[in-house]
Amino acid sequence: MNKRKNILQVFEHSTLRIGQNYDKVRFEEKHFNALAKLNQLHNDKYFTLRHKSIKFSQYVGVIQIDGLTIEILPKIDGASSDESLWQQVLIQMLKATKRLKVNKVGNANVNKQQIHLLDIYFKWFLSEIQLLVHQGLIKQYRVSTGNVKALKGKLEFAAHINQNLIHKERFHTSHQVYNHDHQIHQILALALDIISQFSTGTHLYSKCKQVQANFPEVSKIKASKDTFERLSTNRKTRPYKTALDIARLIILNFAPNVSSGKEKMLALLFNMNDLWEEYVLIKLKALDIEGLEVKGQESKSFWNSTSIRPDIVIHKGDKTYVIDTKWKNIGGSKPSTHDLRQMYVYNEYWDSLNALLLYPALKTEEPDFIAFEGEEKHQCAIGKLNILNGDKLNDKLGDEIMEWFS
């Protein structure tokens, strides 16, 4: 664990205990209570609550609450405990899987541990808003309902009689207006407000206030998952896509008053199993091999409306291979019986020659494909693949996997 001012860096599956100092940063009961509430809101998937302590799971990312920032980093057992290395690994994996766009954040600052994931996402969002303002913000039509001094649009008769009985000069109408005060800008303004709350006292606060000053005043809204799902987009709003994607991430992971009614929390957490699967899939799809077709989460009906889907299916000519990725340290042990049964079924349903259980490692070990008992055609193996190339992710990962199959 390491501290940068009020920042704790911990690794996945590690534990924080109430009342304990971690390099002079104290993990307090109020932090524990807020994290417990967050976990409850997400079906207890992020942490395991123990007596006066909290144990992290496979979720990595960043949580900020009551002035404390906790950055949860991935790590392979036996590897270096250098937080800056694993922070880079996480950033590179988020970038490769399109969950993060790191252009001008400044790798020098990252390497010196002067920045964390919230900074990166905040700066990315602020840069997107600045670009939109520079290009020119769009206007949209919307319906405005209220009192006006000139009759226009549709007269809302019941409301007009109720409110303007003694104000003959006013009209209660519904009419269209064309301006910047529409839902897209209201969502972006909400995200800006959240960033201003969580960047107070940091180098990004003044930039956030500058962006807010150049952004038009719009109506305040409360946004939920349904708000984003119902959001109408078109050709004119295409430049807003990245900003809206980041705003969605920030807004839906913001939990005001999550603990005792005063602490506010922002949590950006990612499942390392999903990141590992997506990274392997992207590297395989990037290969320029004739006749190669790579699919992720290809589904087939199994039983009574139940379907099965391996993580990755590879088709090369008339041959098929199946991969299930596992972000965990298997060491010298064997895979679980459940995993082997699963690979057997995948082989049968996809008529696959070889099924591979793929694990991250610090040293590559070529798989030994062994046939299932009573089978000659279908085989399964454990693949351990070195994910690092110095202080970077292994960019040749896809090539190495295809060499195993060939």
Protein backbone atom coordinates (compact mmCIF):
# COMPACT_ATOMS: atom_id res chain seq x y z
CA MET A 1 0.00 0.00 0.00
CA ASN A 2 1.12 3.49 -0.73
CA LYS A 3 -0.15 6.96 0.00
CA ARG A 4 -0.10 10.17 -2.03
CA LYS A 5 -1.45 12.84 0.32
CA ASN A 6 -4.90 11.37 1.09
CA ILE A 7 -4.71 8.55 -1.45
CA LEU A 8 -4.44 4.87 -0.57
CA GLN A 9 -3.28 2.40 -3.19
CA VAL A 10 -4.24 -1.19 -2.47
CA PHE A 11 -4.21 -4.37 -4.53
CA GLU A 12 -7.19 -6.52 -5.42
CA HIS A 13 -8.12 -9.10 -2.75
CA SER A 14 -6.32 -7.10 -0.02
CA THR A 15 -7.90 -5.99 3.27
CA LEU A 16 -8.41 -2.64 5.04
CA ARG A 17 -9.10 -2.60 8.79
CA ILE A 18 -10.95 0.07 10.75
CA GLY A 19 -8.67 2.24 12.88
CA GLN A 20 -5.48 1.13 11.18
CA ASN A 21 -3.00 3.57 9.63
CA TYR A 22 -1.68 2.80 6.17
CA ASP A 23 1.43 4.95 5.76
CA LYS A 24 -0.17 7.67 7.94
CA VAL A 25 -3.56 7.46 6.19
CA ARG A 26 -6.18 6.22 8.63
CA PHE A 27 -9.03 4.00 7.48
CA GLU A 28 -11.93 5.06 9.69
CA GLU A 29 -15.32 3.64 10.61
CA LYS A 30 -17.12 6.23 8.47
CA HIS A 31 -15.19 4.99 5.43
CA PHE A 32 -16.10 1.40 6.28
CA ASN A 33 -19.80 2.29 6.66
CA ALA A 34 -19.88 4.13 3.33
CA LEU A 35 -18.19 1.23 1.51
CA ALA A 36 -20.61 -1.21 3.14
CA LYS A 37 -23.54 0.87 1.90
CA LEU A 38 -22.07 1.03 -1.60
CA ASN A 39 -21.62 -2.75 -1.57
CA GLN A 40 -25.24 -3.24 -0.48
CA LEU A 41 -26.46 -1.04 -3.35
CA HIS A 42 -24.58 -3.31 -5.79
CA ASN A 43 -25.67 -6.70 -4.43
CA ASP A 44 -22.52 -7.19 -2.32
CA LYS A 45 -20.33 -7.83 -5.36
CA TYR A 46 -17.53 -5.30 -4.75
CA PHE A 47 -16.23 -6.30 -1.31
CA THR A 48 -16.46 -8.88 1.45
CA LEU A 49 -17.39 -7.35 4.80
CA ARG A 50 -15.64 -8.83 7.81
CA HIS A 51 -15.39 -7.88 11.47
CA LYS A 52 -14.19 -4.25 11.42
CA SER A 53 -12.52 -4.81 8.05
CA ILE A 54 -13.26 -4.96 4.37
CA LYS A 55 -11.71 -7.34 1.84
CA PHE A 56 -11.58 -6.32 -1.80
CA SER A 57 -12.49 -8.72 -4.59
CA GLN A 58 -11.62 -8.83 -8.30
CA TYR A 59 -12.99 -5.30 -8.84
CA VAL A 60 -10.33 -2.67 -9.50
CA GLY A 61 -10.54 1.09 -10.02
CA VAL A 62 -10.98 4.06 -7.71
CA ILE A 63 -13.30 5.15 -4.90
CA GLN A 64 -13.40 8.64 -3.38
CA ILE A 65 -15.26 9.42 -0.18
CA ASP A 66 -14.97 12.12 2.46
CA GLY A 67 -11.55 13.32 1.30
CA LEU A 68 -10.12 9.80 1.03
CA THR A 69 -9.30 8.25 -2.34
CA ILE A 70 -8.80 4.47 -2.53
CA GLU A 71 -7.23 3.19 -5.73
CA ILE A 72 -7.59 -0.58 -6.18
CA LEU A 73 -5.00 -2.06 -8.53
CA PRO A 74 -4.68 -5.46 -10.22
CA LYS A 75 -1.73 -7.68 -9.40
CA ILE A 76 -0.51 -11.17 -10.19
CA ASP A 77 0.69 -13.20 -7.21
CA GLY A 78 4.46 -13.23 -6.93
CA ALA A 79 4.88 -10.10 -9.02
CA SER A 80 6.50 -6.84 -7.94
CA SER A 81 4.46 -4.76 -5.50
CA ASP A 82 5.35 -1.56 -7.35
CA GLU A 83 2.03 0.33 -7.41
CA SER A 84 3.10 2.56 -10.32
CA LEU A 85 3.69 -0.53 -12.50
CA TRP A 86 0.25 -1.99 -11.83
CA GLN A 87 -1.40 1.41 -12.18
CA GLN A 88 0.12 1.56 -15.66
CA VAL A 89 -1.10 -1.98 -16.40
CA LEU A 90 -4.64 -1.02 -15.41
CA ILE A 91 -4.58 2.22 -17.41
CA GLN A 92 -3.24 0.42 -20.49
CA MET A 93 -5.90 -2.29 -20.20
CA LEU A 94 -8.68 0.29 -19.80
CA LYS A 95 -7.31 2.13 -22.82
CA ALA A 96 -7.09 -1.03 -24.95
CA THR A 97 -10.66 -1.99 -24.10
CA LYS A 98 -11.92 1.54 -24.99
CA ARG A 99 -12.99 2.27 -21.40
CA LEU A 100 -10.42 5.03 -21.19
CA LYS A 101 -8.79 7.38 -23.67
CA VAL A 102 -5.42 8.59 -22.44
CA ASN A 103 -3.93 11.13 -24.81
CA LYS A 104 -2.54 14.24 -23.16
CA VAL A 105 -2.93 13.21 -19.53
CA GLY A 106 0.84 13.05 -19.19
CA ASN A 107 2.53 9.72 -18.59
CA ALA A 108 5.30 11.48 -16.65
CA ASN A 109 2.81 12.53 -13.98
CA VAL A 110 1.36 9.04 -13.85
CA ASN A 111 4.77 7.46 -13.44
CA LYS A 112 5.57 9.83 -10.56
CA GLN A 113 2.30 8.78 -8.87
CA GLN A 114 0.95 12.34 -8.88
CA ILE A 115 -2.32 11.39 -10.49
CA HIS A 116 -5.00 8.74 -10.05
CA LEU A 117 -7.82 7.32 -12.16
CA LEU A 118 -10.39 9.92 -11.13
CA ASP A 119 -8.01 12.67 -12.26
CA ILE A 120 -7.63 10.96 -15.62
CA TYR A 121 -11.35 10.52 -16.21
CA PHE A 122 -12.12 14.06 -14.99
CA LYS A 123 -9.47 15.61 -17.22
CA TRP A 124 -10.68 13.57 -20.19
CA PHE A 125 -14.25 14.78 -19.65
CA LEU A 126 -13.24 18.43 -19.20
CA SER A 127 -11.18 18.29 -22.40
CA GLU A 128 -14.17 16.85 -24.29
CA ILE A 129 -16.42 19.67 -23.05
CA GLN A 130 -13.85 22.30 -24.02
CA LEU A 131 -13.70 20.79 -27.50
CA LEU A 132 -17.50 20.84 -27.84
CA VAL A 133 -17.67 24.49 -26.71
CA HIS A 134 -14.94 25.40 -29.20
CA GLN A 135 -16.77 23.62 -32.04
CA GLY A 136 -20.07 25.24 -31.07
CA LEU A 137 -22.75 23.76 -28.84
CA ILE A 138 -25.95 22.66 -30.55
CA LYS A 139 -29.40 24.03 -29.87
CA GLN A 140 -32.54 21.91 -29.78
CA TYR A 141 -36.28 22.45 -29.65
CA ARG A 142 -38.03 21.69 -26.39
CA VAL A 143 -41.50 22.38 -24.96
CA SER A 144 -41.60 25.14 -22.32
CA THR A 145 -44.66 25.42 -20.08
CA GLY A 146 -45.31 28.52 -17.94
CA ASN A 147 -46.54 32.09 -17.78
CA VAL A 148 -45.62 34.46 -20.59
CA LYS A 149 -46.67 38.03 -21.38
CA ALA A 150 -47.62 37.31 -24.99
CA LEU A 151 -49.91 34.54 -26.19
CA LYS A 152 -47.94 31.97 -28.13
CA GLY A 153 -48.22 28.25 -28.56
CA LYS A 154 -51.00 26.36 -26.81
CA LEU A 155 -52.97 28.00 -24.00
CA GLU A 156 -53.15 25.67 -20.98
CA PHE A 157 -56.67 26.79 -20.05
CA ALA A 158 -57.08 25.17 -16.60
CA ALA A 159 -53.67 26.35 -15.36
CA HIS A 160 -54.26 29.77 -16.93
CA ILE A 161 -57.53 30.28 -15.04
CA ASN A 162 -55.99 28.98 -11.81
CA GLN A 163 -52.91 31.20 -11.89
CA ASN A 164 -53.88 34.28 -13.89
CA LEU A 165 -57.39 35.17 -12.74
CA ILE A 166 -56.24 38.59 -11.58
CA HIS A 167 -53.29 38.88 -14.00
CA LYS A 168 -54.97 39.58 -17.31
CA GLU A 169 -51.63 40.46 -18.91
CA ARG A 170 -50.25 36.89 -18.48
CA PHE A 171 -50.87 33.66 -20.36
CA HIS A 172 -50.08 30.14 -19.18
CA THR A 173 -48.97 28.33 -22.33
CA SER A 174 -47.01 25.42 -23.70
CA HIS A 175 -44.76 26.51 -26.54
CA GLN A 176 -41.57 25.45 -28.27
CA VAL A 177 -38.26 27.17 -27.56
CA TYR A 178 -34.98 26.71 -29.43
CA ASN A 179 -31.92 27.09 -27.20
CA HIS A 180 -29.08 25.33 -25.39
CA ASP A 181 -31.24 24.24 -22.44
CA HIS A 182 -31.93 20.65 -23.50
CA GLN A 183 -31.39 17.21 -21.97
CA ILE A 184 -27.93 16.53 -23.40
CA HIS A 185 -26.51 19.76 -21.97
CA GLN A 186 -28.35 19.18 -18.69
CA ILE A 187 -26.62 15.78 -18.35
CA LEU A 188 -23.20 17.27 -19.11
CA ALA A 189 -23.81 20.08 -16.62
CA LEU A 190 -24.70 17.51 -13.94
CA ALA A 191 -21.42 15.66 -14.56
CA LEU A 192 -19.53 18.96 -14.37
CA ASP A 193 -21.16 19.68 -11.00
CA ILE A 194 -20.09 16.27 -9.66
CA ILE A 195 -16.52 16.84 -10.85
CA SER A 196 -16.43 20.24 -9.14
CA GLN A 197 -17.43 18.56 -5.85
CA PHE A 198 -14.74 15.90 -6.08
CA SER A 199 -11.92 18.04 -7.47
CA THR A 200 -12.01 20.70 -4.72
CA GLY A 201 -8.48 21.38 -3.52
CA THR A 202 -6.85 19.71 -6.56
CA HIS A 203 -5.19 21.06 -9.68
CA LEU A 204 -8.33 20.23 -11.70
CA TYR A 205 -10.71 22.40 -9.68
CA SER A 206 -9.83 25.69 -11.41
CA LYS A 207 -10.06 24.04 -14.82
CA CYS A 208 -13.48 22.63 -13.93
CA LYS A 209 -14.70 26.08 -12.83
CA GLN A 210 -13.37 27.60 -16.06
CA VAL A 211 -15.22 25.00 -18.15
CA GLN A 212 -18.41 25.58 -16.14
CA ALA A 213 -18.11 29.36 -16.71
CA ASN A 214 -17.95 28.82 -20.48
CA PHE A 215 -20.82 26.31 -20.46
CA PRO A 216 -24.38 27.71 -20.86
CA GLU A 217 -26.69 27.82 -17.85
CA VAL A 218 -29.23 25.02 -18.12
CA SER A 219 -31.97 23.52 -15.98
CA LYS A 220 -30.88 21.16 -13.22
CA ILE A 221 -32.00 17.54 -13.53
CA LYS A 222 -31.65 14.20 -11.77
CA ALA A 223 -30.31 11.54 -14.11
CA SER A 224 -30.65 7.76 -13.80
CA LYS A 225 -29.94 4.75 -15.97
CA ASP A 226 -33.34 5.25 -17.63
CA THR A 227 -32.38 8.82 -18.54
CA PHE A 228 -29.46 7.58 -20.64
CA GLU A 229 -31.44 4.73 -22.16
CA ARG A 230 -34.18 7.11 -23.29
CA LEU A 231 -31.76 9.77 -24.53
CA SER A 232 -32.43 10.66 -28.16
CA THR A 233 -29.35 11.09 -30.37
CA ASN A 234 -28.91 11.86 -34.06
CA ARG A 235 -26.32 12.98 -36.59
CA LYS A 236 -26.03 16.43 -35.00
CA THR A 237 -25.31 14.98 -31.55
CA ARG A 238 -22.63 12.54 -32.76
CA PRO A 239 -19.73 14.77 -31.50
CA TYR A 240 -21.25 14.46 -27.99
CA LYS A 241 -20.90 10.66 -27.82
CA THR A 242 -17.61 10.50 -25.89
CA ALA A 243 -18.63 13.22 -23.43
CA LEU A 244 -21.97 11.50 -22.82
CA ASP A 245 -20.27 8.13 -22.28
CA ILE A 246 -17.99 9.61 -19.62
CA ALA A 247 -20.89 11.56 -18.08
CA ARG A 248 -22.86 8.31 -17.83
CA LEU A 249 -19.94 6.63 -16.04
CA ILE A 250 -19.54 9.52 -13.59
CA ILE A 251 -23.24 10.15 -12.89
CA LEU A 252 -24.33 6.53 -12.47
CA ASN A 253 -21.43 5.83 -10.10
CA PHE A 254 -22.04 8.91 -7.96
CA ALA A 255 -23.72 8.14 -4.66
CA PRO A 256 -24.69 11.26 -2.68
CA ASN A 257 -25.42 10.82 1.02
CA VAL A 258 -24.36 7.19 0.89
CA SER A 259 -23.48 6.84 4.55
CA SER A 260 -24.53 9.12 7.39
CA GLY A 261 -26.25 11.71 5.24
CA LYS A 262 -23.28 13.95 4.53
CA GLU A 263 -20.55 11.89 2.84
CA LYS A 264 -20.67 11.68 -0.94
CA MET A 265 -19.00 8.88 -2.84
CA LEU A 266 -17.83 8.36 -6.39
CA ALA A 267 -16.76 4.83 -7.34
CA LEU A 268 -15.42 3.78 -10.74
CA LEU A 269 -14.87 0.03 -10.47
CA PHE A 270 -14.16 -2.56 -13.16
CA ASN A 271 -14.28 -6.34 -13.03
CA MET A 272 -10.79 -7.65 -13.85
CA ASN A 273 -12.27 -10.86 -15.25
CA ASP A 274 -14.12 -8.77 -17.84
CA LEU A 275 -11.10 -6.57 -18.59
CA TRP A 276 -8.85 -9.60 -19.08
CA GLU A 277 -11.38 -11.28 -21.36
CA GLU A 278 -11.86 -8.11 -23.44
CA TYR A 279 -8.12 -7.49 -23.72
CA VAL A 280 -7.44 -11.02 -25.00
CA LEU A 281 -10.37 -10.74 -27.44
CA ILE A 282 -9.13 -7.40 -28.81
CA LYS A 283 -5.59 -8.73 -29.34
CA LEU A 284 -6.90 -11.80 -31.17
CA LYS A 285 -9.24 -9.73 -33.38
CA ALA A 286 -6.32 -7.46 -34.32
CA LEU A 287 -4.40 -10.35 -35.92
CA ASP A 288 -4.07 -10.23 -39.70
CA ILE A 289 -4.33 -13.96 -40.46
CA GLU A 290 -6.11 -15.23 -43.55
CA GLY A 291 -9.31 -17.14 -42.74
CA LEU A 292 -9.25 -16.15 -39.07
CA GLU A 293 -12.57 -15.21 -37.44
CA VAL A 294 -12.70 -14.37 -33.73
CA LYS A 295 -15.97 -13.96 -31.81
CA GLY A 296 -16.68 -12.98 -28.21
CA GLN A 297 -19.56 -14.36 -26.14
CA GLU A 298 -20.97 -16.44 -29.02
CA SER A 299 -24.14 -18.05 -27.67
CA LYS A 300 -25.90 -21.38 -28.35
CA SER A 301 -29.07 -22.84 -26.89
CA PHE A 302 -28.36 -25.46 -24.26
CA TRP A 303 -31.49 -26.55 -22.40
CA ASN A 304 -34.98 -25.18 -21.78
CA SER A 305 -34.26 -21.62 -22.97
CA THR A 306 -30.85 -21.70 -21.24
CA SER A 307 -27.88 -20.78 -23.40
CA ILE A 308 -24.13 -21.28 -23.05
CA ARG A 309 -21.43 -18.92 -24.26
CA PRO A 310 -17.67 -19.36 -24.05
CA ASP A 311 -15.63 -16.19 -23.67
CA ILE A 312 -13.92 -16.49 -27.06
CA VAL A 313 -14.51 -18.70 -30.11
CA ILE A 314 -11.88 -18.86 -32.86
CA HIS A 315 -12.70 -20.12 -36.35
CA LYS A 316 -9.76 -20.72 -38.69
CA GLY A 317 -10.70 -22.43 -41.91
CA ASP A 318 -12.56 -25.60 -40.97
CA LYS A 319 -11.13 -25.68 -37.43
CA THR A 320 -12.63 -24.21 -34.26
CA TYR A 321 -11.00 -23.40 -30.92
CA VAL A 322 -12.58 -22.24 -27.65
CA ILE A 323 -11.05 -20.06 -24.93
CA ASP A 324 -12.27 -19.24 -21.44
CA THR A 325 -10.23 -16.52 -19.72
CA LYS A 326 -9.62 -16.59 -15.96
CA TRP A 327 -8.07 -13.63 -14.12
CA LYS A 328 -6.61 -15.53 -11.20
CA ASN A 329 -3.45 -17.30 -10.17
CA ILE A 330 -3.76 -21.04 -10.73
CA GLY A 331 -0.16 -21.76 -9.74
CA GLY A 332 0.63 -25.44 -9.94
CA SER A 333 -2.89 -26.59 -9.15
CA LYS A 334 -5.39 -28.11 -11.53
CA PRO A 335 -8.48 -26.29 -12.82
CA SER A 336 -11.75 -26.96 -11.06
CA THR A 337 -13.95 -29.85 -12.13
CA HIS A 338 -16.65 -27.30 -12.95
CA ASP A 339 -14.33 -25.47 -15.37
CA LEU A 340 -13.30 -28.72 -17.08
CA ARG A 341 -16.93 -29.83 -17.48
CA GLN A 342 -17.69 -26.44 -18.98
CA MET A 343 -14.85 -26.76 -21.51
CA TYR A 344 -16.01 -30.28 -22.41
CA VAL A 345 -19.49 -28.96 -23.21
CA TYR A 346 -18.05 -26.09 -25.26
CA ASN A 347 -15.98 -28.55 -27.29
CA GLU A 348 -19.06 -30.67 -27.99
CA TYR A 349 -21.41 -27.83 -28.93
CA TRP A 350 -18.92 -25.92 -31.07
CA ASP A 351 -17.21 -29.06 -32.46
CA SER A 352 -13.96 -27.58 -31.21
CA LEU A 353 -10.62 -29.33 -31.52
CA ASN A 354 -8.99 -27.64 -28.55
CA ALA A 355 -10.37 -25.81 -25.52
CA LEU A 356 -8.08 -23.50 -23.58
CA LEU A 357 -8.36 -22.16 -20.03
CA LEU A 358 -6.23 -19.00 -20.21
CA TYR A 359 -4.62 -17.52 -17.07
CA PRO A 360 -2.36 -14.48 -16.60
CA ALA A 361 1.19 -15.21 -15.46
CA LEU A 362 4.66 -13.70 -15.12
CA LYS A 363 6.19 -16.41 -17.27
CA THR A 364 4.63 -18.06 -20.30
CA GLU A 365 4.07 -21.80 -20.08
CA GLU A 366 2.96 -23.51 -23.27
CA PRO A 367 -0.22 -25.54 -22.85
CA ASP A 368 -0.28 -29.31 -22.97
CA PHE A 369 -3.50 -30.30 -24.71
CA ILE A 370 -4.86 -33.50 -23.20
CA ALA A 371 -7.83 -35.43 -24.56
CA PHE A 372 -10.89 -35.94 -22.38
CA GLU A 373 -11.31 -39.54 -21.21
CA GLY A 374 -12.99 -41.63 -23.89
CA GLU A 375 -12.41 -38.84 -26.44
CA GLU A 376 -9.86 -38.66 -29.21
CA LYS A 377 -11.03 -35.55 -31.01
CA HIS A 378 -11.61 -32.99 -28.25
CA GLN A 379 -8.81 -31.78 -25.98
CA CYS A 380 -8.34 -29.22 -23.21
CA ALA A 381 -5.33 -27.42 -21.74
CA ILE A 382 -4.23 -24.77 -19.26
CA GLY A 383 -2.49 -21.79 -20.81
CA LYS A 384 -0.33 -19.47 -18.70
CA LEU A 385 0.61 -16.33 -20.54
CA ASN A 386 3.04 -13.61 -19.48
CA ILE A 387 0.99 -10.41 -19.62
CA LEU A 388 3.96 -8.06 -19.12
CA ASN A 389 6.65 -6.79 -21.43
CA GLY A 390 8.79 -4.72 -19.10
CA ASP A 391 6.45 -2.10 -17.63
CA LYS A 392 3.88 -2.51 -20.40
CA LEU A 393 1.26 -5.05 -21.34
CA ASN A 394 2.29 -7.89 -23.64
CA ASP A 395 1.25 -6.59 -27.07
CA LYS A 396 2.04 -9.93 -28.79
CA LEU A 397 -0.43 -11.86 -26.69
CA GLY A 398 -2.70 -12.74 -29.62
CA ASP A 399 0.19 -14.08 -31.74
CA GLU A 400 1.36 -16.33 -28.91
CA ILE A 401 -2.11 -17.83 -28.43
CA MET A 402 -2.48 -18.65 -32.13
CA GLU A 403 0.97 -20.27 -32.13
CA TRP A 404 -0.27 -22.58 -29.37
CA PHE A 405 -3.22 -23.71 -31.47
CA SER A 406 -1.19 -24.14 -34.64
